[in-house]
C-alpha atoms as a PDB file:
ATOM      1  CA  UNK A   1      -7.175  32.171  11.277  1.00  0.00           C
ATOM      2  CA  UNK A   2      -7.998  31.112   7.453  1.00  0.00           C
ATOM      3  CA  UNK A   3     -11.345  30.322   6.199  1.00  0.00           C
ATOM      4  CA  UNK A   4     -11.905  26.893   4.157  1.00  0.00           C
ATOM      5  CA  UNK A   5     -12.536  28.008   0.515  1.00  0.00           C
ATOM      6  CA  UNK A   6     -16.248  26.950  -0.199  1.00  0.00           C
ATOM      7  CA  UNK A   7     -17.632  24.495  -2.521  1.00  0.00           C
ATOM      8  CA  UNK A   8     -17.780  25.575  -6.134  1.00  0.00           C
ATOM      9  CA  UNK A   9     -20.886  23.866  -7.930  1.00  0.00           C
ATOM     10  CA  UNK A  10     -19.752  22.250 -11.047  1.00  0.00           C
ATOM     11  CA  UNK A  11     -21.884  23.278 -14.331  1.00  0.00           C
ATOM     12  CA  UNK A  12     -23.137  20.319 -16.778  1.00  0.00           C
ATOM     13  CA  UNK A  13     -20.877  20.233 -20.050  1.00  0.00           C
ATOM     14  CA  UNK A  14     -22.230  20.702 -22.760  1.00  0.00           C
ATOM     15  CA  UNK A  15     -20.970  17.587 -24.692  1.00  0.00           C
ATOM     16  CA  UNK A  16     -22.454  15.238 -22.333  1.00  0.00           C
ATOM     17  CA  UNK A  17     -26.700  14.477 -21.934  1.00  0.00           C
ATOM     18  CA  UNK A  18     -28.995  12.555 -19.587  1.00  0.00           C
ATOM     19  CA  UNK A  19     -31.394   9.972 -20.920  1.00  0.00           C
ATOM     20  CA  UNK A  20     -34.684   9.973 -20.844  1.00  0.00           C
ATOM     21  CA  UNK A  21     -36.351   9.276 -17.716  1.00  0.00           C
ATOM     22  CA  UNK A  22     -33.119   9.317 -15.692  1.00  0.00           C
ATOM     23  CA  UNK A  23     -32.797  11.929 -12.806  1.00  0.00           C
ATOM     24  CA  UNK A  24     -29.409  12.954 -11.248  1.00  0.00           C
ATOM     25  CA  UNK A  25     -28.556  11.580  -7.419  1.00  0.00           C
ATOM     26  CA  UNK A  26     -29.853  13.894  -4.916  1.00  0.00           C
ATOM     27  CA  UNK A  27     -27.866  14.810  -2.002  1.00  0.00           C
ATOM     28  CA  UNK A  28     -31.347  13.372   0.151  1.00  0.00           C
ATOM     29  CA  UNK A  29     -31.364  10.116  -1.139  1.00  0.00           C
ATOM     30  CA  UNK A  30     -27.385   9.627  -0.949  1.00  0.00           C
ATOM     31  CA  UNK A  31     -27.486  10.738   2.701  1.00  0.00           C
ATOM     32  CA  UNK A  32     -30.555   8.344   2.524  1.00  0.00           C
ATOM     33  CA  UNK A  33     -28.484   5.718   1.190  1.00  0.00           C
ATOM     34  CA  UNK A  34     -26.009   5.580   2.897  1.00  0.00           C
ATOM     35  CA  UNK A  35     -28.008   6.177   7.202  1.00  0.00           C
ATOM     36  CA  UNK A  36     -29.478   2.398   5.033  1.00  0.00           C
ATOM     37  CA  UNK A  37     -25.784   0.469   5.205  1.00  0.00           C
ATOM     38  CA  UNK A  38     -24.967  -1.103   9.017  1.00  0.00           C
ATOM     39  CA  UNK A  39     -22.055   0.456  11.080  1.00  0.00           C
ATOM     40  CA  UNK A  40     -19.015   0.179  10.305  1.00  0.00           C
ATOM     41  CA  UNK A  41     -16.298   0.549  12.536  1.00  0.00           C
ATOM     42  CA  UNK A  42     -13.161   3.465  12.054  1.00  0.00           C
ATOM     43  CA  UNK A  43      -9.693   0.386  12.616  1.00  0.00           C
ATOM     44  CA  UNK A  44      -9.486  -2.647  12.483  1.00  0.00           C
ATOM     45  CA  UNK A  45     -10.939  -5.495  15.055  1.00  0.00           C
ATOM     46  CA  UNK A  46      -8.444  -7.580  17.196  1.00  0.00           C
ATOM     47  CA  UNK A  47      -9.902 -10.724  17.784  1.00  0.00           C
ATOM     48  CA  UNK A  48     -10.833 -11.765  20.926  1.00  0.00           C
ATOM     49  CA  UNK A  49      -8.877 -14.867  21.458  1.00  0.00           C
ATOM     50  CA  UNK A  50      -8.991 -14.494  25.930  1.00  0.00           C
ATOM     51  CA  UNK A  51     -12.280 -15.776  27.817  1.00  0.00           C
ATOM     52  CA  UNK A  52     -14.102 -18.007  28.615  1.00  0.00           C
ATOM     53  CA  UNK A  53     -14.410 -19.866  25.190  1.00  0.00           C
ATOM     54  CA  UNK A  54     -10.974 -19.384  24.024  1.00  0.00           C
ATOM     55  CA  UNK A  55      -9.301 -23.310  23.421  1.00  0.00           C
ATOM     56  CA  UNK A  56      -6.412 -22.621  24.726  1.00  0.00           C
ATOM     57  CA  UNK A  57      -7.325 -22.156  28.190  1.00  0.00           C
ATOM     58  CA  UNK A  58      -8.628 -25.579  29.850  1.00  0.00           C
ATOM     59  CA  UNK A  59     -12.331 -24.882  30.667  1.00  0.00           C
ATOM     60  CA  UNK A  60     -12.084 -28.086  33.413  1.00  0.00           C
ATOM     61  CA  UNK A  61     -10.874 -25.628  36.019  1.00  0.00           C
ATOM     62  CA  UNK A  62     -14.670 -24.008  36.053  1.00  0.00           C
ATOM     63  CA  UNK A  63     -16.045 -27.569  37.719  1.00  0.00           C
END
């Protein structure tokens, strides 16, 4: 069984600088933002084209 490589932390680039009053987004903030997002389906949903409100169905037969 082969182990996965551990994630490495990249060192900051000395050619870049941080603006005053701005902090990088933390993992906790990012996870909190993701938790607040509405749930999305993993696959594309099929349209419901059958059932009680199907316009192709003769609803008169119900009465």
